[in-house]
């Protein structure tokens, strides 16, 4: 189960990294208010939750 949490965290961080470029392009085009931050926030939350579960799992 511990490996699952680690793999989930890695995929979450990869999704976070792939979403940064479109986020920056959207901020440049539409400003801070016109951008969907879900492509960054959800993978970040998944990665954080997975890393916490990875540390707590015995």
C-alpha atoms as a PDB file:
ATOM      1  CA  UNK A   1       0.000   0.000   0.000  1.00  0.00           C
ATOM      2  CA  UNK A   2       2.919   2.297   0.707  1.00  0.00           C
ATOM      3  CA  UNK A   3       4.124   1.980  -2.899  1.00  0.00           C
ATOM      4  CA  UNK A   4       0.665   2.963  -4.119  1.00  0.00           C
ATOM      5  CA  UNK A   5       0.793   6.219  -2.156  1.00  0.00           C
ATOM      6  CA  UNK A   6       4.250   6.981  -3.526  1.00  0.00           C
ATOM      7  CA  UNK A   7       3.201   6.288  -7.120  1.00  0.00           C
ATOM      8  CA  UNK A   8       0.073   8.399  -6.661  1.00  0.00           C
ATOM      9  CA  UNK A   9       2.193  11.251  -5.311  1.00  0.00           C
ATOM     10  CA  UNK A  10       4.573  11.019  -8.271  1.00  0.00           C
ATOM     11  CA  UNK A  11       1.712  11.107 -10.773  1.00  0.00           C
ATOM     12  CA  UNK A  12       0.174  14.037  -8.927  1.00  0.00           C
ATOM     13  CA  UNK A  13       3.441  15.961  -9.078  1.00  0.00           C
ATOM     14  CA  UNK A  14       3.861  15.152 -12.777  1.00  0.00           C
ATOM     15  CA  UNK A  15       0.345  16.399 -13.483  1.00  0.00           C
ATOM     16  CA  UNK A  16       1.176  19.522 -11.509  1.00  0.00           C
ATOM     17  CA  UNK A  17       4.301  20.142 -13.562  1.00  0.00           C
ATOM     18  CA  UNK A  18       2.486  19.649 -16.873  1.00  0.00           C
ATOM     19  CA  UNK A  19      -0.203  22.114 -15.815  1.00  0.00           C
ATOM     20  CA  UNK A  20       2.165  24.978 -14.981  1.00  0.00           C
ATOM     21  CA  UNK A  21       2.855  25.967 -18.586  1.00  0.00           C
ATOM     22  CA  UNK A  22      -0.828  26.330 -19.611  1.00  0.00           C
ATOM     23  CA  UNK A  23      -1.479  28.184 -16.355  1.00  0.00           C
ATOM     24  CA  UNK A  24       1.226  30.748 -17.106  1.00  0.00           C
ATOM     25  CA  UNK A  25      -0.036  31.171 -20.677  1.00  0.00           C
ATOM     26  CA  UNK A  26      -3.588  31.665 -19.404  1.00  0.00           C
ATOM     27  CA  UNK A  27      -2.478  34.252 -16.856  1.00  0.00           C
ATOM     28  CA  UNK A  28      -0.671  36.174 -19.582  1.00  0.00           C
ATOM     29  CA  UNK A  29      -3.726  36.156 -21.850  1.00  0.00           C
ATOM     30  CA  UNK A  30      -6.609  36.630 -19.400  1.00  0.00           C
ATOM     31  CA  UNK A  31      -5.078  37.839 -16.158  1.00  0.00           C
ATOM     32  CA  UNK A  32      -5.221  36.305 -12.689  1.00  0.00           C
ATOM     33  CA  UNK A  33      -9.014  36.187 -12.485  1.00  0.00           C
ATOM     34  CA  UNK A  34      -9.701  34.452 -15.806  1.00  0.00           C
ATOM     35  CA  UNK A  35      -7.681  31.295 -15.203  1.00  0.00           C
ATOM     36  CA  UNK A  36      -8.827  27.854 -14.087  1.00  0.00           C
ATOM     37  CA  UNK A  37      -6.538  26.851 -11.214  1.00  0.00           C
ATOM     38  CA  UNK A  38      -7.988  23.345 -10.997  1.00  0.00           C
ATOM     39  CA  UNK A  39      -5.264  21.915 -13.228  1.00  0.00           C
ATOM     40  CA  UNK A  40      -2.757  22.938 -10.555  1.00  0.00           C
ATOM     41  CA  UNK A  41      -4.655  22.696  -7.284  1.00  0.00           C
ATOM     42  CA  UNK A  42      -6.173  19.226  -7.608  1.00  0.00           C
ATOM     43  CA  UNK A  43      -2.915  17.427  -8.494  1.00  0.00           C
ATOM     44  CA  UNK A  44      -1.198  19.390  -5.733  1.00  0.00           C
ATOM     45  CA  UNK A  45      -3.812  18.318  -3.188  1.00  0.00           C
ATOM     46  CA  UNK A  46      -3.607  14.707  -4.375  1.00  0.00           C
ATOM     47  CA  UNK A  47       0.182  14.729  -4.096  1.00  0.00           C
ATOM     48  CA  UNK A  48       0.105  16.267  -0.617  1.00  0.00           C
ATOM     49  CA  UNK A  49      -2.519  13.819   0.627  1.00  0.00           C
ATOM     50  CA  UNK A  50      -0.595  10.885  -0.835  1.00  0.00           C
ATOM     51  CA  UNK A  51       2.671  11.985   0.761  1.00  0.00           C
ATOM     52  CA  UNK A  52       0.958  12.397   4.138  1.00  0.00           C
ATOM     53  CA  UNK A  53      -0.590   8.934   3.825  1.00  0.00           C
ATOM     54  CA  UNK A  54       2.796   7.558   2.745  1.00  0.00           C
ATOM     55  CA  UNK A  55       4.457   8.924   5.881  1.00  0.00           C
ATOM     56  CA  UNK A  56       1.685   7.699   8.207  1.00  0.00           C
ATOM     57  CA  UNK A  57       1.276   4.238   6.713  1.00  0.00           C
ATOM     58  CA  UNK A  58       3.125   1.559   8.667  1.00  0.00           C
END
